[in-house]
Amino acid sequence: MTAVLKSMQKKEWRLLMKYFVEVKDMVNTVYHEFQKGHFDGITFWKEDSICLHDDIVCALGLEELFASVIPQYCSTEEMEVNEEQWNEMVQKAAYIGDEVKECITEADAWVKNTFTEHDVFTIIGV
């Protein structure tokens, strides 16, 4: 895929965000950061991360969704997600429907782009 096409897709995806925000658009730090690759244990709020406010995570029951796929999930810690796990989350979200499906679908383009460069992404809890 050409750099121009990737750039266009990124811009189009940003325009469609309802649930997630970029780091530059956060209003506080009560967000779950979706960070590309393995978390280095030091760096938070990377420019290419997307963030989901804790109120949305709680309101949509996303903690339960994440834990149903990754039983050791804890909303205050880091959790790595591989492609197989993400695909299972997408399927479960589709079954649940409504806003859960809409929220997970919104992240899907970012996640798929991440998997072209990394074997995991990390959800860093609040």
Protein backbone atom coordinates (compact mmCIF):
# COMPACT_ATOMS: atom_id res chain seq x y z
CA MET A 1 0.00 0.00 0.00
CA THR A 2 1.38 3.38 -0.90
CA ALA A 3 2.21 6.00 1.72
CA VAL A 4 -0.37 8.35 0.18
CA LEU A 5 -3.13 5.76 0.44
CA LYS A 6 -2.21 4.98 4.07
CA SER A 7 -2.28 8.69 4.85
CA MET A 8 -5.69 9.09 3.22
CA GLN A 9 -7.10 6.12 5.11
CA LYS A 10 -5.80 7.52 8.38
CA LYS A 11 -7.43 10.90 7.73
CA GLU A 12 -10.75 9.30 6.73
CA TRP A 13 -10.69 7.10 9.82
CA ARG A 14 -10.06 10.06 12.13
CA LEU A 15 -13.11 11.86 10.77
CA LEU A 16 -15.33 8.93 11.70
CA MET A 17 -14.36 8.58 15.38
CA LYS A 18 -17.22 8.76 17.87
CA TYR A 19 -15.87 6.72 20.78
CA PHE A 20 -12.09 6.98 20.49
CA VAL A 21 -9.93 10.09 20.54
CA GLU A 22 -6.34 10.77 19.69
CA VAL A 23 -3.97 11.68 22.50
CA LYS A 24 -3.98 15.34 21.45
CA ASP A 25 -7.77 15.44 21.94
CA MET A 26 -7.90 13.98 25.46
CA VAL A 27 -9.53 16.19 28.11
CA ASN A 28 -7.97 14.38 31.08
CA THR A 29 -6.03 11.16 31.71
CA VAL A 30 -8.96 8.86 32.51
CA TYR A 31 -8.53 6.97 29.25
CA HIS A 32 -7.59 3.47 28.18
CA GLU A 33 -4.74 3.88 25.72
CA PHE A 34 -4.56 1.54 22.73
CA GLN A 35 -0.85 1.56 21.93
CA LYS A 36 0.82 -0.08 18.94
CA GLY A 37 3.08 -3.03 19.73
CA HIS A 38 4.44 -4.09 23.10
CA PHE A 39 4.32 -1.54 25.92
CA ASP A 40 7.86 -0.58 26.94
CA GLY A 41 6.83 0.01 30.54
CA ILE A 42 7.75 3.69 30.32
CA THR A 43 6.11 5.57 27.45
CA PHE A 44 2.47 6.60 27.70
CA TRP A 45 0.24 8.68 25.42
CA LYS A 46 2.05 8.04 22.16
CA GLU A 47 1.09 10.18 19.19
CA ASP A 48 -0.12 7.19 17.16
CA SER A 49 -2.25 5.75 19.98
CA ILE A 50 -6.01 5.94 20.20
CA CYS A 51 -7.75 6.40 23.53
CA LEU A 52 -11.10 5.37 24.95
CA HIS A 53 -12.51 7.22 27.95
CA ASP A 54 -13.13 5.12 31.04
CA ASP A 55 -16.77 6.25 31.17
CA ILE A 56 -17.32 4.68 27.74
CA VAL A 57 -15.52 1.48 28.76
CA CYS A 58 -17.79 1.18 31.80
CA ALA A 59 -21.03 2.25 30.11
CA LEU A 60 -20.62 -0.25 27.27
CA GLY A 61 -19.38 -3.10 29.43
CA LEU A 62 -16.13 -3.37 27.50
CA GLU A 63 -14.25 -4.66 30.55
CA GLU A 64 -16.44 -7.76 30.42
CA LEU A 65 -15.89 -8.12 26.67
CA PHE A 66 -12.11 -7.89 27.06
CA ALA A 67 -12.10 -10.30 30.02
CA SER A 68 -14.24 -12.81 28.10
CA VAL A 69 -11.39 -13.14 25.59
CA ILE A 70 -8.44 -12.52 27.89
CA PRO A 71 -9.39 -13.78 31.38
CA GLN A 72 -6.45 -12.03 33.10
CA TYR A 73 -7.63 -8.64 31.83
CA CYS A 74 -7.55 -5.88 34.45
CA SER A 75 -8.69 -2.35 33.61
CA THR A 76 -5.87 -0.77 35.65
CA GLU A 77 -3.02 -2.68 34.02
CA GLU A 78 -1.53 -3.31 30.58
CA MET A 79 -2.97 -6.01 28.35
CA GLU A 80 -1.49 -7.19 25.08
CA VAL A 81 -3.93 -8.23 22.38
CA ASN A 82 -2.93 -10.37 19.41
CA GLU A 83 -4.80 -10.67 16.14
CA GLU A 84 -6.66 -13.85 17.06
CA GLN A 85 -7.87 -12.30 20.32
CA TRP A 86 -8.93 -9.11 18.58
CA ASN A 87 -10.90 -11.07 15.97
CA GLU A 88 -12.70 -12.89 18.79
CA MET A 89 -13.53 -9.54 20.43
CA VAL A 90 -14.89 -8.25 17.12
CA GLN A 91 -17.10 -11.35 16.74
CA LYS A 92 -18.41 -11.07 20.29
CA ALA A 93 -19.06 -7.35 19.86
CA ALA A 94 -21.00 -8.07 16.67
CA TYR A 95 -23.13 -10.59 18.58
CA ILE A 96 -23.78 -8.06 21.38
CA GLY A 97 -24.59 -5.40 18.80
CA ASP A 98 -25.58 -1.79 19.25
CA GLU A 99 -22.95 0.58 20.64
CA VAL A 100 -20.55 -2.19 21.65
CA LYS A 101 -20.33 -3.32 18.05
CA GLU A 102 -20.08 0.29 16.85
CA CYS A 103 -17.25 1.09 19.29
CA ILE A 104 -15.18 -2.00 18.49
CA THR A 105 -15.77 -1.54 14.77
CA GLU A 106 -14.51 2.03 15.08
CA ALA A 107 -11.16 0.75 16.41
CA ASP A 108 -10.89 -2.01 13.81
CA ALA A 109 -9.15 0.04 11.09
CA TRP A 110 -6.52 1.23 13.57
CA VAL A 111 -6.06 -2.32 14.87
CA LYS A 112 -5.73 -3.84 11.40
CA ASN A 113 -3.17 -1.19 10.48
CA THR A 114 -1.28 -1.98 13.69
CA PHE A 115 -1.15 -5.69 12.84
CA THR A 116 0.58 -4.89 9.54
CA GLU A 117 3.57 -3.69 11.60
CA HIS A 118 3.26 -5.43 15.00
CA ASP A 119 2.14 -8.79 16.33
CA VAL A 120 0.18 -7.16 19.19
CA PHE A 121 -1.21 -3.91 20.47
CA THR A 122 -1.42 -3.02 24.13
CA ILE A 123 -4.40 -1.64 26.02
CA ILE A 124 -3.01 0.42 28.88
CA GLY A 125 -5.62 0.78 31.59
CA VAL A 126 -6.38 3.77 33.78
